[in-house]
Protein backbone atom coordinates (compact mmCIF):
# COMPACT_ATOMS: atom_id res chain seq x y z
CA MET A 1 0.00 0.00 0.00
CA THR A 2 1.26 3.47 -0.84
CA ALA A 3 2.47 5.47 2.15
CA ALA A 4 -0.05 8.03 3.43
CA VAL A 5 1.29 11.44 2.42
CA ASP A 6 -0.44 14.79 2.16
CA THR A 7 1.00 15.74 -1.22
CA VAL A 8 -0.62 19.20 -1.24
CA ALA A 9 0.95 20.13 2.10
CA ALA A 10 4.27 18.62 1.05
CA ALA A 11 4.28 20.57 -2.21
CA ARG A 12 3.59 23.77 -0.32
CA ALA A 13 6.34 23.11 2.22
CA LEU A 14 8.88 22.23 -0.49
CA ALA A 15 7.90 24.95 -2.96
CA THR A 16 11.23 26.74 -2.66
CA ALA A 17 13.35 23.83 -1.44
CA PRO A 18 16.49 22.81 -3.36
CA PRO A 19 16.56 19.45 -5.16
CA ASP A 20 18.61 17.67 -2.49
CA ALA A 21 16.08 18.64 0.17
CA ILE A 22 13.18 17.42 -1.94
CA LEU A 23 14.91 14.08 -2.49
CA ALA A 24 15.71 13.80 1.22
CA TRP A 25 12.05 14.46 2.02
CA GLY A 26 11.02 11.71 -0.37
CA ALA A 27 13.45 9.20 1.11
CA ALA A 28 12.26 10.04 4.64
CA HIS A 29 8.52 9.86 3.94
CA LEU A 30 8.29 7.14 1.28
CA PRO A 31 9.83 3.85 2.46
CA LYS A 32 9.75 2.37 -1.05
CA LEU A 33 10.92 5.06 -3.44
CA ALA A 34 12.34 4.54 -6.94
CA PHE A 35 13.86 6.78 -9.58
CA ALA A 36 13.09 6.00 -13.22
CA THR A 37 15.81 7.60 -15.32
CA GLY A 38 15.94 8.08 -19.06
CA PHE A 39 19.60 9.23 -18.81
CA GLY A 40 18.88 12.79 -19.88
CA ALA A 41 20.99 15.57 -18.39
CA GLU A 42 18.44 16.04 -15.61
CA GLY A 43 18.39 12.34 -14.83
CA CYS A 44 22.16 12.29 -14.51
CA VAL A 45 21.93 15.17 -12.02
CA VAL A 46 19.39 13.25 -9.94
CA ILE A 47 21.60 10.16 -9.90
CA ASP A 48 24.50 12.33 -8.72
CA LEU A 49 22.34 13.82 -5.94
CA VAL A 50 21.08 10.40 -4.82
CA ALA A 51 24.56 8.90 -4.79
CA ARG A 52 26.18 11.86 -3.00
CA ALA A 53 23.63 11.68 -0.18
CA GLY A 54 23.55 7.88 -0.07
CA LEU A 55 19.76 7.93 -0.26
CA PRO A 56 17.92 4.58 -0.24
CA ILE A 57 16.28 5.20 -3.60
CA ASP A 58 16.04 2.37 -6.12
CA LEU A 59 17.37 3.28 -9.58
CA PHE A 60 16.01 1.82 -12.79
CA THR A 61 15.55 2.63 -16.45
CA LEU A 62 13.05 1.67 -19.11
CA ASP A 63 15.07 -0.09 -21.78
CA THR A 64 12.93 0.07 -24.92
CA GLY A 65 15.51 -1.82 -26.95
CA VAL A 66 15.96 1.11 -29.31
CA LEU A 67 17.97 3.57 -27.23
CA PHE A 68 21.00 5.29 -28.74
CA PRO A 69 24.33 3.44 -28.37
CA GLU A 70 25.59 6.52 -26.53
CA THR A 71 22.78 6.11 -23.99
CA TYR A 72 23.70 2.50 -23.26
CA ALA A 73 27.34 3.55 -22.83
CA LEU A 74 26.32 6.34 -20.42
CA TRP A 75 24.28 3.85 -18.39
CA HIS A 76 27.42 1.80 -17.67
CA GLN A 77 29.52 4.91 -17.10
CA LEU A 78 27.13 6.17 -14.40
CA GLU A 79 27.09 2.81 -12.63
CA ALA A 80 30.88 2.75 -12.56
CA ARG A 81 31.21 6.39 -11.51
CA TYR A 82 28.79 6.23 -8.59
CA GLY A 83 29.02 2.58 -7.58
CA VAL A 84 25.29 2.03 -8.13
CA THR A 85 23.15 -0.43 -10.03
CA ILE A 86 20.56 0.94 -12.44
CA ARG A 87 18.06 -1.86 -13.03
CA ARG A 88 16.78 -2.64 -16.51
CA VAL A 89 12.99 -2.68 -16.92
CA GLU A 90 11.76 -4.02 -20.24
CA SER A 91 8.53 -4.65 -22.06
CA PRO A 92 7.45 -8.29 -21.98
CA LEU A 93 6.99 -7.88 -25.72
CA SER A 94 10.27 -8.17 -27.60
CA LEU A 95 10.85 -5.94 -30.61
CA ALA A 96 10.42 -8.98 -32.86
CA ALA A 97 7.15 -9.92 -31.17
CA GLN A 98 5.94 -6.33 -31.40
CA ALA A 99 6.70 -6.27 -35.13
CA ALA A 100 4.88 -9.55 -35.62
CA ALA A 101 1.81 -8.28 -33.77
CA HIS A 102 1.73 -4.66 -34.94
CA GLY A 103 3.97 -4.46 -38.00
CA ASP A 104 7.51 -3.22 -38.40
CA GLU A 105 8.50 0.15 -36.97
CA LEU A 106 5.34 0.76 -34.98
CA TRP A 107 6.96 3.95 -33.65
CA ALA A 108 6.77 5.50 -37.13
CA ARG A 109 3.06 4.75 -37.62
CA ASP A 110 1.57 4.85 -34.13
CA PRO A 111 4.09 6.27 -31.65
CA ASP A 112 1.51 6.50 -28.85
CA ARG A 113 0.89 2.77 -29.06
CA CYS A 114 4.60 2.05 -29.20
CA CYS A 115 5.23 4.19 -26.11
CA GLU A 116 2.40 2.41 -24.31
CA LEU A 117 3.88 -1.01 -25.09
CA ARG A 118 7.52 -0.20 -24.46
CA LYS A 119 7.40 2.45 -21.72
CA VAL A 120 4.08 3.22 -20.02
CA GLY A 121 2.95 -0.37 -19.53
CA PRO A 122 6.32 -1.61 -18.26
CA LEU A 123 6.58 1.37 -15.89
CA ALA A 124 3.16 0.61 -14.42
CA VAL A 125 4.31 -2.93 -13.67
CA ALA A 126 7.66 -1.72 -12.30
CA LEU A 127 6.00 0.74 -9.90
CA ALA A 128 3.36 -1.66 -8.57
CA GLY A 129 3.76 -1.92 -4.79
CA TRP A 130 6.00 1.13 -4.49
CA ASP A 131 5.15 4.20 -2.39
CA GLY A 132 6.52 6.77 -4.80
CA TRP A 133 8.68 7.49 -7.78
CA VAL A 134 11.19 10.22 -8.51
CA THR A 135 11.30 11.95 -11.88
CA ALA A 136 13.65 14.48 -13.47
CA ILE A 137 11.00 16.66 -15.11
CA ARG A 138 11.14 20.46 -15.08
CA ARG A 139 8.26 22.90 -15.51
CA ASP A 140 9.87 24.75 -18.39
CA GLN A 141 10.34 21.65 -20.54
CA SER A 142 6.83 21.60 -21.99
CA ALA A 143 3.29 22.84 -21.49
CA ALA A 144 2.29 19.45 -20.10
CA ARG A 145 4.82 19.86 -17.28
CA ALA A 146 4.25 23.54 -16.52
CA THR A 147 2.05 22.92 -13.47
CA ALA A 148 4.12 20.12 -11.92
CA GLU A 149 4.83 20.37 -8.19
CA PRO A 150 7.82 19.16 -6.11
CA VAL A 151 5.50 16.49 -4.70
CA GLU A 152 2.19 15.44 -6.22
CA HIS A 153 -0.20 12.55 -6.49
CA ASP A 154 0.37 10.61 -9.68
CA GLU A 155 -3.06 9.82 -11.06
CA ARG A 156 -1.83 7.47 -13.75
CA PHE A 157 0.20 5.19 -11.50
CA GLY A 158 -1.59 5.77 -8.20
CA LEU A 159 1.34 6.76 -6.01
CA VAL A 160 3.37 9.79 -4.92
CA LYS A 161 5.48 11.53 -7.54
CA VAL A 162 8.59 13.43 -6.42
CA ASN A 163 10.03 16.01 -8.85
CA PRO A 164 13.22 17.46 -7.29
CA LEU A 165 14.26 19.52 -10.35
CA VAL A 166 10.80 20.86 -11.13
CA ALA A 167 11.67 24.53 -10.52
CA TRP A 168 15.12 24.45 -12.10
CA THR A 169 15.97 25.92 -15.47
CA HIS A 170 17.99 24.34 -18.27
CA GLU A 171 20.86 26.61 -17.29
CA GLN A 172 20.78 25.52 -13.65
CA VAL A 173 20.94 21.87 -14.69
CA TRP A 174 24.04 22.44 -16.79
CA ALA A 175 25.66 24.64 -14.15
CA TYR A 176 25.31 21.75 -11.68
CA ILE A 177 26.74 19.31 -14.22
CA ALA A 178 29.76 21.53 -14.77
CA ALA A 179 30.30 22.15 -11.05
CA HIS A 180 30.20 18.45 -10.15
CA ASP A 181 31.60 16.91 -13.35
CA VAL A 182 28.49 14.80 -13.86
CA PRO A 183 28.71 12.35 -16.79
CA THR A 184 26.21 13.12 -19.55
CA ASN A 185 25.28 11.84 -22.98
CA PRO A 186 27.70 13.07 -25.68
CA LEU A 187 24.70 13.54 -27.97
CA HIS A 188 23.85 16.71 -26.05
CA ALA A 189 26.88 18.37 -27.64
CA ARG A 190 25.67 17.30 -31.08
CA GLY A 191 22.34 19.13 -30.94
CA TYR A 192 20.22 16.71 -28.92
CA PRO A 193 19.04 18.56 -25.78
CA SER A 194 16.31 15.95 -25.15
CA ILE A 195 17.11 12.32 -25.87
CA GLY A 196 14.67 9.44 -26.09
CA CYS A 197 14.53 6.42 -28.36
CA ALA A 198 16.78 6.60 -31.41
CA PRO A 199 14.03 6.26 -34.08
CA CYS A 200 11.96 9.06 -32.51
CA THR A 201 14.66 11.60 -31.59
CA SER A 202 16.39 14.08 -33.86
CA ALA A 203 18.71 17.03 -33.35
CA VAL A 204 17.29 20.52 -32.98
CA ILE A 205 18.42 23.73 -34.61
CA PRO A 206 19.13 27.00 -32.78
CA GLY A 207 15.91 28.69 -31.74
CA GLU A 208 13.83 25.51 -31.53
CA ALA A 209 12.30 24.30 -28.28
CA LEU A 210 14.46 21.88 -26.31
CA ARG A 211 12.05 19.00 -26.97
CA ALA A 212 11.42 19.88 -30.63
CA GLY A 213 13.46 16.87 -31.71
CA ARG A 214 11.16 14.38 -30.01
CA TRP A 215 8.61 12.72 -32.35
CA ARG A 216 9.31 15.39 -34.97
CA ALA A 217 7.18 13.61 -37.58
CA HIS A 218 4.17 13.68 -35.25
CA ALA A 219 3.47 17.32 -34.39
CA ALA A 220 0.65 16.52 -31.97
CA LYS A 221 2.83 14.25 -29.82
CA THR A 222 4.99 15.90 -27.16
CA GLU A 223 5.07 13.27 -24.39
CA CYS A 224 5.56 9.51 -24.22
CA GLY A 225 2.74 9.29 -21.67
CA LEU A 226 4.71 8.70 -18.48
CA HIS A 227 3.91 12.16 -17.16
CA GLU A 228 0.36 12.54 -18.44
CA ALA A 229 -2.79 11.81 -16.47
CA ARG A 230 -4.68 8.69 -17.45
CA LYS A 231 -7.36 9.40 -20.03
CA ALA A 232 -10.91 9.10 -18.71
CA ASP A 233 -11.78 6.37 -21.20
CA ALA A 234 -8.61 4.38 -20.64
CA SER A 235 -8.97 0.90 -19.25
């Protein structure tokens, strides 16, 4: 059962708290707390914060099977740097089985369905029985994240969501990375400020939004679904 937490009161109390304090609050109030990282710059910062404080927060990633080679290399680099284990969570449906059931390159034809099969569904299973999960989202990343709080109830997954970097800017993230020599994905230096699955991520050009390279061929899609409320008609 999820720990009883007044998320509204917690969000109010932590409104101006720094990320390390928000993470410490989560570790103190949520006995079973996990961090799902996608190995973006923000995620690397959170891993650094967790490791520096020695917080009892489980670390895992959703391995869709189509991440960039640079992302897989960063995964191992972070484990070695911080002496941690970042668990692999996968879809029960292999890429071959997905292609057989839905056709090749589902991500190109129906990216929402692909994200559901390879990310949202596996995350729901991974979080079952946990009290809360940590994310690396920031308010200024997209309109869908603009109202996020340091602590909130996650309607989709039915547990407490802890967002330690929610009030930070892109510049603050990179200032922390520089100050603490945090390992990051080399793709960031090649025009990829936001990195997801390789088939659905492209570089951005100066002046574009930081997440403009995600699902570029599908203008209406801006999120994989992990940070969106469950649709009313969803089963």
